[in-house]
N, C-alpha and C. Protein backbone atom coordinates (compact mmCIF):
# COMPACT_ATOMS: atom_id res chain seq x y z
N MET A 1 -49.56 -69.57 -124.79
CA MET A 1 -48.77 -70.73 -125.12
C MET A 1 -48.91 -71.00 -126.61
N GLN A 2 -47.79 -71.07 -127.28
CA GLN A 2 -47.81 -71.37 -128.71
C GLN A 2 -47.45 -72.83 -128.91
N TYR A 3 -48.07 -73.42 -129.88
CA TYR A 3 -47.76 -74.81 -130.22
C TYR A 3 -47.79 -74.96 -131.73
N LYS A 4 -47.03 -75.93 -132.18
CA LYS A 4 -47.00 -76.17 -133.63
C LYS A 4 -48.15 -77.08 -133.99
N GLN A 5 -48.77 -76.76 -135.08
CA GLN A 5 -49.92 -77.52 -135.54
C GLN A 5 -49.65 -77.93 -136.98
N ARG A 6 -49.97 -79.16 -137.26
CA ARG A 6 -49.81 -79.63 -138.64
C ARG A 6 -50.93 -79.04 -139.48
N ILE A 7 -50.56 -78.48 -140.59
CA ILE A 7 -51.55 -77.89 -141.49
C ILE A 7 -51.81 -78.89 -142.60
N PRO A 8 -53.06 -79.37 -142.68
CA PRO A 8 -53.37 -80.34 -143.74
C PRO A 8 -53.40 -79.64 -145.10
N ILE A 9 -52.56 -80.11 -145.99
CA ILE A 9 -52.47 -79.55 -147.33
C ILE A 9 -52.93 -80.61 -148.32
N SER A 10 -53.78 -80.20 -149.24
CA SER A 10 -54.29 -81.15 -150.23
C SER A 10 -53.20 -81.50 -151.24
N THR A 11 -53.48 -82.46 -152.06
CA THR A 11 -52.50 -82.91 -153.05
C THR A 11 -52.15 -81.82 -154.05
N ASN A 12 -53.06 -80.88 -154.27
CA ASN A 12 -52.77 -79.80 -155.21
C ASN A 12 -52.09 -78.60 -154.53
N GLY A 13 -51.76 -78.71 -153.23
CA GLY A 13 -51.01 -77.67 -152.53
C GLY A 13 -51.83 -76.60 -151.83
N PHE A 14 -53.13 -76.80 -151.68
CA PHE A 14 -53.99 -75.81 -151.04
C PHE A 14 -54.39 -76.26 -149.63
N VAL A 15 -54.69 -75.28 -148.80
CA VAL A 15 -55.22 -75.54 -147.46
C VAL A 15 -56.74 -75.46 -147.55
N SER A 16 -57.42 -76.36 -146.85
CA SER A 16 -58.89 -76.39 -146.95
C SER A 16 -59.51 -75.17 -146.28
N VAL A 17 -60.66 -74.76 -146.79
CA VAL A 17 -61.40 -73.63 -146.24
C VAL A 17 -61.81 -73.93 -144.81
N GLU A 18 -62.22 -75.16 -144.54
CA GLU A 18 -62.63 -75.54 -143.18
C GLU A 18 -61.48 -75.37 -142.20
N HIS A 19 -60.28 -75.74 -142.61
CA HIS A 19 -59.12 -75.60 -141.72
C HIS A 19 -58.82 -74.13 -141.45
N VAL A 20 -58.92 -73.30 -142.47
CA VAL A 20 -58.68 -71.86 -142.29
C VAL A 20 -59.71 -71.28 -141.33
N LYS A 21 -60.99 -71.64 -141.51
CA LYS A 21 -62.05 -71.16 -140.61
C LYS A 21 -61.79 -71.60 -139.18
N HIS A 22 -61.42 -72.87 -139.02
CA HIS A 22 -61.16 -73.41 -137.68
C HIS A 22 -59.99 -72.66 -137.02
N THR A 23 -58.93 -72.44 -137.77
CA THR A 23 -57.76 -71.73 -137.25
C THR A 23 -58.11 -70.30 -136.87
N MET A 24 -58.90 -69.64 -137.70
CA MET A 24 -59.31 -68.26 -137.39
C MET A 24 -60.19 -68.22 -136.14
N ASN A 25 -61.12 -69.14 -136.01
CA ASN A 25 -61.98 -69.18 -134.82
C ASN A 25 -61.16 -69.41 -133.56
N GLU A 26 -60.16 -70.29 -133.63
CA GLU A 26 -59.28 -70.51 -132.48
C GLU A 26 -58.52 -69.24 -132.11
N ALA A 27 -58.00 -68.54 -133.11
CA ALA A 27 -57.25 -67.31 -132.85
C ALA A 27 -58.13 -66.24 -132.23
N ILE A 28 -59.35 -66.11 -132.73
CA ILE A 28 -60.29 -65.13 -132.17
C ILE A 28 -60.63 -65.49 -130.73
N ALA A 29 -60.88 -66.77 -130.47
CA ALA A 29 -61.21 -67.20 -129.11
C ALA A 29 -60.05 -66.94 -128.16
N LYS A 30 -58.83 -67.22 -128.59
CA LYS A 30 -57.66 -66.99 -127.73
C LYS A 30 -57.48 -65.50 -127.46
N THR A 31 -57.69 -64.67 -128.47
CA THR A 31 -57.58 -63.22 -128.30
C THR A 31 -58.62 -62.74 -127.30
N TYR A 32 -59.84 -63.21 -127.43
CA TYR A 32 -60.91 -62.81 -126.52
C TYR A 32 -60.59 -63.25 -125.09
N GLU A 33 -60.13 -64.49 -124.92
CA GLU A 33 -59.78 -64.99 -123.59
C GLU A 33 -58.68 -64.15 -122.98
N THR A 34 -57.68 -63.79 -123.77
CA THR A 34 -56.57 -62.97 -123.27
C THR A 34 -57.07 -61.61 -122.81
N ARG A 35 -57.96 -61.00 -123.59
CA ARG A 35 -58.49 -59.69 -123.21
C ARG A 35 -59.31 -59.78 -121.94
N VAL A 36 -60.09 -60.82 -121.79
CA VAL A 36 -60.90 -60.98 -120.58
C VAL A 36 -59.99 -61.18 -119.38
N GLN A 37 -58.93 -61.96 -119.53
CA GLN A 37 -58.01 -62.22 -118.43
C GLN A 37 -57.23 -60.97 -118.04
N THR A 38 -56.93 -60.09 -119.00
CA THR A 38 -56.14 -58.90 -118.69
C THR A 38 -57.01 -57.71 -118.33
N PHE A 39 -58.31 -57.92 -118.12
CA PHE A 39 -59.21 -56.84 -117.74
C PHE A 39 -58.69 -56.18 -116.47
N LYS A 40 -58.58 -54.88 -116.52
CA LYS A 40 -58.01 -54.11 -115.42
C LYS A 40 -59.09 -53.84 -114.38
N SER A 41 -58.84 -54.26 -113.16
CA SER A 41 -59.81 -53.97 -112.10
C SER A 41 -59.48 -52.61 -111.49
N TYR A 42 -60.47 -52.02 -110.85
CA TYR A 42 -60.30 -50.69 -110.28
C TYR A 42 -59.40 -50.74 -109.05
N VAL A 43 -58.47 -49.81 -109.00
CA VAL A 43 -57.59 -49.64 -107.84
C VAL A 43 -57.60 -48.16 -107.51
N LYS A 44 -57.76 -47.83 -106.25
CA LYS A 44 -57.78 -46.42 -105.85
C LYS A 44 -56.46 -45.76 -106.23
N PRO A 45 -56.51 -44.55 -106.76
CA PRO A 45 -55.28 -43.90 -107.24
C PRO A 45 -54.44 -43.29 -106.12
N TYR A 46 -55.01 -43.15 -104.94
CA TYR A 46 -54.24 -42.49 -103.89
C TYR A 46 -53.46 -43.50 -103.06
N THR A 47 -52.47 -42.97 -102.34
CA THR A 47 -51.54 -43.80 -101.57
C THR A 47 -52.21 -44.35 -100.31
N LYS A 48 -51.52 -45.30 -99.67
CA LYS A 48 -52.05 -45.91 -98.44
C LYS A 48 -52.21 -44.87 -97.33
N ARG A 49 -51.33 -43.88 -97.32
CA ARG A 49 -51.44 -42.83 -96.30
C ARG A 49 -52.80 -42.15 -96.38
N ILE A 50 -53.22 -41.83 -97.58
CA ILE A 50 -54.53 -41.19 -97.75
C ILE A 50 -55.64 -42.20 -97.51
N GLU A 51 -55.44 -43.42 -97.94
CA GLU A 51 -56.46 -44.46 -97.72
C GLU A 51 -56.72 -44.64 -96.22
N GLN A 52 -55.68 -44.57 -95.41
CA GLN A 52 -55.83 -44.78 -93.97
C GLN A 52 -56.37 -43.56 -93.24
N PHE A 53 -56.39 -42.43 -93.91
CA PHE A 53 -56.93 -41.21 -93.31
C PHE A 53 -58.42 -41.41 -93.05
N ARG A 54 -58.86 -41.14 -91.85
CA ARG A 54 -60.27 -41.33 -91.47
C ARG A 54 -61.00 -40.00 -91.45
N MET A 55 -62.23 -40.05 -91.88
CA MET A 55 -63.09 -38.87 -91.84
C MET A 55 -63.40 -38.55 -90.37
N PRO A 56 -63.51 -37.27 -90.04
CA PRO A 56 -63.91 -36.92 -88.68
C PRO A 56 -65.29 -37.51 -88.35
N GLU A 57 -65.52 -37.81 -87.09
CA GLU A 57 -66.78 -38.46 -86.67
C GLU A 57 -68.02 -37.69 -87.10
N ASN A 58 -68.00 -36.39 -86.94
CA ASN A 58 -69.18 -35.59 -87.24
C ASN A 58 -69.17 -35.03 -88.67
N TYR A 59 -68.30 -35.53 -89.52
CA TYR A 59 -68.16 -35.00 -90.87
C TYR A 59 -69.39 -35.33 -91.71
N GLN A 60 -69.94 -34.31 -92.34
CA GLN A 60 -71.06 -34.46 -93.28
C GLN A 60 -70.55 -34.06 -94.67
N PRO A 61 -70.56 -34.99 -95.62
CA PRO A 61 -70.08 -34.63 -96.96
C PRO A 61 -70.92 -33.52 -97.58
N SER A 62 -70.26 -32.66 -98.31
CA SER A 62 -70.96 -31.57 -98.99
C SER A 62 -71.76 -32.12 -100.16
N LYS A 63 -72.78 -31.39 -100.54
CA LYS A 63 -73.52 -31.71 -101.76
C LYS A 63 -72.77 -31.05 -102.91
N PHE A 64 -72.40 -31.85 -103.88
CA PHE A 64 -71.60 -31.34 -104.99
C PHE A 64 -72.40 -31.27 -106.27
N GLN A 65 -72.10 -30.26 -107.04
CA GLN A 65 -72.53 -30.24 -108.43
C GLN A 65 -71.51 -31.14 -109.13
N GLN A 66 -71.95 -32.25 -109.71
CA GLN A 66 -71.01 -33.19 -110.29
C GLN A 66 -70.43 -32.67 -111.61
N PHE A 67 -69.14 -32.91 -111.77
CA PHE A 67 -68.43 -32.50 -112.98
C PHE A 67 -68.44 -33.67 -113.95
N ASN A 68 -68.97 -33.44 -115.16
CA ASN A 68 -69.07 -34.51 -116.15
C ASN A 68 -67.96 -34.48 -117.19
N GLY A 69 -67.05 -33.56 -117.06
CA GLY A 69 -65.96 -33.48 -118.02
C GLY A 69 -66.12 -32.38 -119.04
N HIS A 70 -67.29 -31.77 -119.08
CA HIS A 70 -67.51 -30.64 -119.99
C HIS A 70 -67.29 -29.37 -119.20
N GLY A 71 -66.73 -28.39 -119.83
CA GLY A 71 -66.44 -27.15 -119.13
C GLY A 71 -64.99 -27.10 -118.69
N ASP A 72 -64.68 -26.09 -117.93
CA ASP A 72 -63.30 -25.83 -117.52
C ASP A 72 -62.98 -26.58 -116.23
N PRO A 73 -62.04 -27.54 -116.27
CA PRO A 73 -61.70 -28.29 -115.06
C PRO A 73 -61.16 -27.40 -113.94
N ARG A 74 -60.45 -26.31 -114.31
CA ARG A 74 -59.91 -25.41 -113.28
C ARG A 74 -61.04 -24.75 -112.50
N GLN A 75 -62.07 -24.33 -113.22
CA GLN A 75 -63.21 -23.71 -112.54
C GLN A 75 -63.90 -24.71 -111.62
N TYR A 76 -64.03 -25.95 -112.09
CA TYR A 76 -64.70 -26.95 -111.26
C TYR A 76 -63.88 -27.25 -110.01
N ILE A 77 -62.57 -27.36 -110.15
CA ILE A 77 -61.73 -27.63 -108.98
C ILE A 77 -61.85 -26.50 -107.97
N ALA A 78 -61.88 -25.25 -108.44
CA ALA A 78 -62.06 -24.11 -107.53
C ALA A 78 -63.41 -24.22 -106.82
N TYR A 79 -64.45 -24.57 -107.55
CA TYR A 79 -65.79 -24.76 -106.96
C TYR A 79 -65.74 -25.86 -105.91
N PHE A 80 -65.12 -26.98 -106.25
CA PHE A 80 -65.05 -28.13 -105.34
C PHE A 80 -64.32 -27.76 -104.05
N VAL A 81 -63.18 -27.09 -104.18
CA VAL A 81 -62.40 -26.70 -103.00
C VAL A 81 -63.22 -25.77 -102.11
N GLU A 82 -63.90 -24.80 -102.70
CA GLU A 82 -64.71 -23.87 -101.90
C GLU A 82 -65.83 -24.61 -101.17
N ARG A 83 -66.48 -25.53 -101.84
CA ARG A 83 -67.55 -26.31 -101.19
C ARG A 83 -67.00 -27.11 -100.02
N CYS A 84 -65.85 -27.73 -100.22
CA CYS A 84 -65.26 -28.54 -99.16
C CYS A 84 -64.68 -27.67 -98.04
N ASN A 85 -64.07 -26.56 -98.38
CA ASN A 85 -63.51 -25.69 -97.35
C ASN A 85 -64.60 -25.11 -96.46
N ASN A 86 -65.77 -24.89 -97.03
CA ASN A 86 -66.88 -24.43 -96.21
C ASN A 86 -67.25 -25.47 -95.16
N ALA A 87 -66.95 -26.73 -95.44
CA ALA A 87 -67.23 -27.80 -94.48
C ALA A 87 -66.01 -28.09 -93.60
N GLY A 88 -64.93 -27.34 -93.77
CA GLY A 88 -63.76 -27.49 -92.92
C GLY A 88 -62.90 -28.69 -93.26
N THR A 89 -62.73 -29.02 -94.51
CA THR A 89 -61.94 -30.19 -94.89
C THR A 89 -60.51 -29.80 -95.23
N ASP A 90 -59.62 -30.78 -95.13
CA ASP A 90 -58.23 -30.53 -95.49
C ASP A 90 -57.88 -31.30 -96.76
N GLY A 91 -56.61 -31.25 -97.17
CA GLY A 91 -56.18 -31.83 -98.43
C GLY A 91 -56.47 -33.31 -98.59
N ASP A 92 -56.20 -34.11 -97.56
CA ASP A 92 -56.44 -35.55 -97.67
C ASP A 92 -57.92 -35.86 -97.81
N LEU A 93 -58.75 -35.09 -97.10
CA LEU A 93 -60.19 -35.28 -97.26
C LEU A 93 -60.64 -34.88 -98.66
N LEU A 94 -60.03 -33.84 -99.20
CA LEU A 94 -60.37 -33.43 -100.56
C LEU A 94 -60.10 -34.55 -101.55
N VAL A 95 -58.96 -35.22 -101.37
CA VAL A 95 -58.61 -36.33 -102.27
C VAL A 95 -59.67 -37.42 -102.20
N LYS A 96 -60.08 -37.78 -100.99
CA LYS A 96 -61.05 -38.87 -100.84
C LYS A 96 -62.45 -38.47 -101.30
N GLN A 97 -62.79 -37.20 -101.19
CA GLN A 97 -64.12 -36.74 -101.58
C GLN A 97 -64.26 -36.46 -103.07
N PHE A 98 -63.15 -36.21 -103.74
CA PHE A 98 -63.19 -35.75 -105.13
C PHE A 98 -63.94 -36.72 -106.04
N VAL A 99 -63.72 -38.00 -105.87
CA VAL A 99 -64.36 -38.99 -106.75
C VAL A 99 -65.88 -38.89 -106.69
N LEU A 100 -66.42 -38.49 -105.54
CA LEU A 100 -67.88 -38.38 -105.39
C LEU A 100 -68.45 -37.25 -106.23
N SER A 101 -67.60 -36.34 -106.66
CA SER A 101 -68.08 -35.17 -107.41
C SER A 101 -67.92 -35.33 -108.92
N LEU A 102 -67.55 -36.53 -109.38
CA LEU A 102 -67.30 -36.74 -110.80
C LEU A 102 -68.32 -37.68 -111.42
N LYS A 103 -68.55 -37.49 -112.72
CA LYS A 103 -69.40 -38.42 -113.46
C LYS A 103 -68.97 -38.41 -114.93
N ASP A 104 -69.46 -39.36 -115.68
CA ASP A 104 -69.22 -39.47 -117.12
C ASP A 104 -67.72 -39.50 -117.44
N THR A 105 -67.25 -38.70 -118.39
CA THR A 105 -65.85 -38.78 -118.81
C THR A 105 -64.88 -38.33 -117.72
N ALA A 106 -65.30 -37.44 -116.85
CA ALA A 106 -64.44 -37.03 -115.74
C ALA A 106 -64.23 -38.20 -114.79
N PHE A 107 -65.28 -38.97 -114.55
CA PHE A 107 -65.16 -40.16 -113.69
C PHE A 107 -64.27 -41.21 -114.37
N ASP A 108 -64.42 -41.37 -115.68
CA ASP A 108 -63.56 -42.31 -116.42
C ASP A 108 -62.09 -41.92 -116.26
N TRP A 109 -61.81 -40.62 -116.34
CA TRP A 109 -60.44 -40.16 -116.14
C TRP A 109 -59.94 -40.58 -114.77
N TYR A 110 -60.75 -40.39 -113.75
CA TYR A 110 -60.34 -40.69 -112.38
C TYR A 110 -60.03 -42.18 -112.20
N ILE A 111 -60.92 -43.03 -112.70
CA ILE A 111 -60.69 -44.46 -112.47
C ILE A 111 -59.54 -45.01 -113.32
N ASP A 112 -59.09 -44.24 -114.32
CA ASP A 112 -57.93 -44.65 -115.11
C ASP A 112 -56.60 -44.22 -114.50
N LEU A 113 -56.64 -43.43 -113.43
CA LEU A 113 -55.38 -43.04 -112.78
C LEU A 113 -54.70 -44.28 -112.22
N GLU A 114 -53.38 -44.28 -112.26
CA GLU A 114 -52.62 -45.44 -111.77
C GLU A 114 -52.67 -45.50 -110.25
N ALA A 115 -52.55 -46.72 -109.73
CA ALA A 115 -52.53 -46.93 -108.28
C ALA A 115 -51.34 -46.18 -107.68
N ASN A 116 -51.56 -45.59 -106.51
CA ASN A 116 -50.53 -44.86 -105.76
C ASN A 116 -49.95 -43.68 -106.53
N SER A 117 -50.68 -43.14 -107.48
CA SER A 117 -50.17 -42.00 -108.25
C SER A 117 -50.52 -40.66 -107.61
N VAL A 118 -51.34 -40.69 -106.56
CA VAL A 118 -51.77 -39.45 -105.91
C VAL A 118 -51.44 -39.52 -104.42
N ASP A 119 -50.64 -38.56 -103.95
CA ASP A 119 -50.31 -38.53 -102.52
C ASP A 119 -50.69 -37.20 -101.88
N SER A 120 -51.34 -36.32 -102.64
CA SER A 120 -51.77 -35.05 -102.06
C SER A 120 -52.86 -34.45 -102.93
N TRP A 121 -53.57 -33.50 -102.35
CA TRP A 121 -54.60 -32.80 -103.10
C TRP A 121 -53.97 -32.01 -104.25
N VAL A 122 -52.79 -31.45 -104.02
CA VAL A 122 -52.13 -30.67 -105.07
C VAL A 122 -51.87 -31.56 -106.29
N GLU A 123 -51.35 -32.78 -106.06
CA GLU A 123 -51.09 -33.69 -107.18
C GLU A 123 -52.38 -34.02 -107.92
N LEU A 124 -53.44 -34.32 -107.19
CA LEU A 124 -54.70 -34.69 -107.83
C LEU A 124 -55.30 -33.52 -108.60
N SER A 125 -55.24 -32.33 -108.02
CA SER A 125 -55.84 -31.19 -108.72
C SER A 125 -55.05 -30.82 -109.97
N ILE A 126 -53.73 -30.96 -109.93
CA ILE A 126 -52.93 -30.68 -111.13
C ILE A 126 -53.28 -31.69 -112.21
N GLN A 127 -53.38 -32.97 -111.83
CA GLN A 127 -53.77 -33.98 -112.82
C GLN A 127 -55.19 -33.71 -113.32
N GLY A 128 -56.06 -33.26 -112.44
CA GLY A 128 -57.43 -32.96 -112.83
C GLY A 128 -57.51 -31.83 -113.83
N MET A 129 -56.63 -30.86 -113.69
CA MET A 129 -56.64 -29.74 -114.63
C MET A 129 -56.16 -30.16 -116.01
N HIS A 130 -55.44 -31.26 -116.08
CA HIS A 130 -54.92 -31.73 -117.36
C HIS A 130 -55.66 -32.95 -117.89
N TRP A 131 -56.75 -33.33 -117.24
CA TRP A 131 -57.44 -34.56 -117.65
C TRP A 131 -57.94 -34.49 -119.09
N GLU A 132 -58.42 -33.33 -119.50
CA GLU A 132 -58.98 -33.21 -120.85
C GLU A 132 -57.91 -33.44 -121.91
N LEU A 133 -56.72 -32.90 -121.69
CA LEU A 133 -55.63 -33.10 -122.63
C LEU A 133 -55.29 -34.59 -122.73
N CYS A 134 -55.27 -35.28 -121.59
CA CYS A 134 -54.97 -36.71 -121.61
C CYS A 134 -55.98 -37.47 -122.46
N TYR A 135 -57.25 -37.16 -122.31
CA TYR A 135 -58.28 -37.87 -123.08
C TYR A 135 -58.22 -37.52 -124.56
N ILE A 136 -57.87 -36.29 -124.88
CA ILE A 136 -57.73 -35.92 -126.29
C ILE A 136 -56.58 -36.72 -126.91
N LEU A 137 -55.46 -36.80 -126.19
CA LEU A 137 -54.31 -37.53 -126.72
C LEU A 137 -54.59 -39.02 -126.82
N GLN A 138 -55.30 -39.60 -125.84
CA GLN A 138 -55.64 -41.02 -125.91
C GLN A 138 -56.53 -41.30 -127.11
N ALA A 139 -57.41 -40.39 -127.41
CA ALA A 139 -58.37 -40.61 -128.49
C ALA A 139 -57.71 -40.62 -129.86
N ILE A 140 -56.51 -40.06 -129.99
CA ILE A 140 -55.89 -40.03 -131.31
C ILE A 140 -54.82 -41.10 -131.48
N LYS A 141 -54.66 -42.00 -130.52
CA LYS A 141 -53.68 -43.07 -130.68
C LYS A 141 -54.22 -44.10 -131.67
N PRO A 142 -53.56 -44.26 -132.80
CA PRO A 142 -54.05 -45.22 -133.79
C PRO A 142 -53.66 -46.64 -133.40
N LYS A 143 -54.48 -47.60 -133.81
CA LYS A 143 -54.20 -49.00 -133.55
C LYS A 143 -53.48 -49.65 -134.74
N THR A 144 -53.68 -49.11 -135.93
CA THR A 144 -53.04 -49.64 -137.13
C THR A 144 -52.49 -48.49 -137.95
N PHE A 145 -51.62 -48.83 -138.89
CA PHE A 145 -51.06 -47.81 -139.77
C PHE A 145 -52.16 -47.19 -140.62
N GLY A 146 -53.09 -48.01 -141.08
CA GLY A 146 -54.20 -47.49 -141.89
C GLY A 146 -55.03 -46.48 -141.12
N GLU A 147 -55.26 -46.76 -139.83
CA GLU A 147 -56.02 -45.83 -138.99
C GLU A 147 -55.25 -44.53 -138.81
N LEU A 148 -53.93 -44.64 -138.66
CA LEU A 148 -53.09 -43.45 -138.53
C LEU A 148 -53.21 -42.57 -139.78
N VAL A 149 -53.13 -43.20 -140.95
CA VAL A 149 -53.24 -42.46 -142.21
C VAL A 149 -54.60 -41.80 -142.33
N THR A 150 -55.66 -42.54 -141.99
CA THR A 150 -57.02 -42.00 -142.08
C THR A 150 -57.19 -40.81 -141.15
N ARG A 151 -56.72 -40.94 -139.91
CA ARG A 151 -56.85 -39.83 -138.96
C ARG A 151 -56.02 -38.63 -139.39
N ALA A 152 -54.81 -38.88 -139.87
CA ALA A 152 -53.96 -37.77 -140.31
C ALA A 152 -54.62 -37.04 -141.47
N HIS A 153 -55.21 -37.79 -142.38
CA HIS A 153 -55.90 -37.16 -143.52
C HIS A 153 -57.09 -36.34 -143.03
N GLY A 154 -57.85 -36.89 -142.08
CA GLY A 154 -59.00 -36.17 -141.54
C GLY A 154 -58.59 -34.88 -140.85
N ILE A 155 -57.52 -34.95 -140.09
CA ILE A 155 -57.03 -33.76 -139.39
C ILE A 155 -56.56 -32.72 -140.41
N GLU A 156 -55.82 -33.19 -141.42
CA GLU A 156 -55.35 -32.28 -142.47
C GLU A 156 -56.53 -31.61 -143.18
N MET A 157 -57.56 -32.39 -143.48
CA MET A 157 -58.73 -31.83 -144.15
C MET A 157 -59.43 -30.79 -143.27
N SER A 158 -59.53 -31.07 -141.96
CA SER A 158 -60.19 -30.10 -141.09
C SER A 158 -59.39 -28.81 -141.00
N PHE A 159 -58.05 -28.92 -140.98
CA PHE A 159 -57.23 -27.72 -140.99
C PHE A 159 -57.42 -26.95 -142.28
N ASN A 160 -57.44 -27.66 -143.40
CA ASN A 160 -57.62 -27.00 -144.69
C ASN A 160 -58.97 -26.30 -144.78
N CYS A 161 -60.01 -26.95 -144.26
CA CYS A 161 -61.34 -26.33 -144.29
C CYS A 161 -61.35 -25.05 -143.47
N LYS A 162 -60.75 -25.10 -142.29
CA LYS A 162 -60.70 -23.90 -141.45
C LYS A 162 -59.87 -22.82 -142.11
N GLU A 163 -58.77 -23.22 -142.75
CA GLU A 163 -57.91 -22.25 -143.43
C GLU A 163 -58.67 -21.62 -144.60
N ASP A 164 -59.40 -22.45 -145.36
CA ASP A 164 -60.19 -21.94 -146.48
C ASP A 164 -61.25 -20.96 -146.00
N GLU A 165 -61.92 -21.28 -144.89
CA GLU A 165 -62.93 -20.37 -144.35
C GLU A 165 -62.30 -19.04 -143.98
N TYR A 166 -61.11 -19.12 -143.38
CA TYR A 166 -60.42 -17.89 -142.99
C TYR A 166 -60.04 -17.08 -144.22
N LEU A 167 -59.52 -17.77 -145.24
CA LEU A 167 -59.12 -17.06 -146.45
C LEU A 167 -60.31 -16.43 -147.15
N VAL A 168 -61.44 -17.13 -147.17
CA VAL A 168 -62.64 -16.57 -147.79
C VAL A 168 -63.09 -15.34 -147.02
N ASP A 169 -63.13 -15.45 -145.69
CA ASP A 169 -63.55 -14.32 -144.87
C ASP A 169 -62.61 -13.13 -145.07
N ALA A 170 -61.30 -13.41 -145.12
CA ALA A 170 -60.33 -12.33 -145.27
C ALA A 170 -60.46 -11.67 -146.63
N SER A 171 -60.69 -12.46 -147.68
CA SER A 171 -60.82 -11.86 -149.01
C SER A 171 -62.10 -11.06 -149.12
N GLU A 172 -63.17 -11.49 -148.46
CA GLU A 172 -64.41 -10.71 -148.47
C GLU A 172 -64.20 -9.38 -147.77
N ASP A 173 -63.43 -9.40 -146.67
CA ASP A 173 -63.14 -8.15 -145.96
C ASP A 173 -62.32 -7.22 -146.84
N ASP A 174 -61.36 -7.80 -147.60
CA ASP A 174 -60.53 -6.98 -148.49
C ASP A 174 -61.38 -6.35 -149.58
N ASP A 175 -62.34 -7.11 -150.12
CA ASP A 175 -63.22 -6.58 -151.16
C ASP A 175 -64.04 -5.41 -150.63
N ASP A 176 -64.51 -5.54 -149.40
CA ASP A 176 -65.30 -4.47 -148.79
C ASP A 176 -64.46 -3.22 -148.63
N ASP A 177 -63.19 -3.40 -148.24
CA ASP A 177 -62.30 -2.26 -148.07
C ASP A 177 -62.06 -1.55 -149.39
N ASP A 178 -61.93 -2.33 -150.48
CA ASP A 178 -61.71 -1.73 -151.80
C ASP A 178 -62.91 -0.89 -152.21
N ASP A 179 -64.12 -1.38 -151.93
CA ASP A 179 -65.33 -0.63 -152.26
C ASP A 179 -65.36 0.69 -151.51
N ASP A 180 -64.95 0.66 -150.24
CA ASP A 180 -64.94 1.87 -149.44
C ASP A 180 -63.95 2.88 -150.01
N ASP A 181 -62.78 2.37 -150.47
CA ASP A 181 -61.77 3.26 -151.02
C ASP A 181 -62.30 3.94 -152.28
N ASP A 182 -62.99 3.17 -153.14
CA ASP A 182 -63.53 3.73 -154.37
C ASP A 182 -64.59 4.79 -154.07
N ALA A 183 -65.36 4.56 -153.04
CA ALA A 183 -66.45 5.48 -152.72
C ALA A 183 -65.91 6.81 -152.21
N THR A 184 -64.75 6.80 -151.55
CA THR A 184 -64.22 8.03 -151.00
C THR A 184 -63.44 8.84 -152.02
N LEU A 185 -63.10 8.23 -153.14
CA LEU A 185 -62.33 8.96 -154.15
C LEU A 185 -63.18 9.88 -154.86
């Protein structure tokens, strides 16, 4: 809710420091309150159909090596499927069990999935194989123009450094080849 506020101006045309501080504190408090109110609560990413799917009575969950987000997601998904298939599980069970096998950044990826965005194991595994790309792209979203410029400069510098290393290595190889040519003459 926005409201108009009278700004006390002194006879010489300036706003008091106390008023500026008070206004800034109010703005910060309102921003903080808005962020707290818009805090996103966890919602399961799979559809109601999968939510209503019941585990078999005698089902014993497999012991999983938890995936923390480091390494190849495709390899981990293959490992996960094999572990679950050994226990006789199907696609809907795989969807419900998958969260138990995640930790750290991989778990963060899972809880950030939108509600009702997963209706099959195939959908979840495809998203899982691309989770790393999503997090890389999220990490480079700038909040301000200044941040964008800083990141772009940093990326450009890292490319230049790698290019310089390559050029140095290539020129050293060329020098070695020249020495070999001289020696054979």
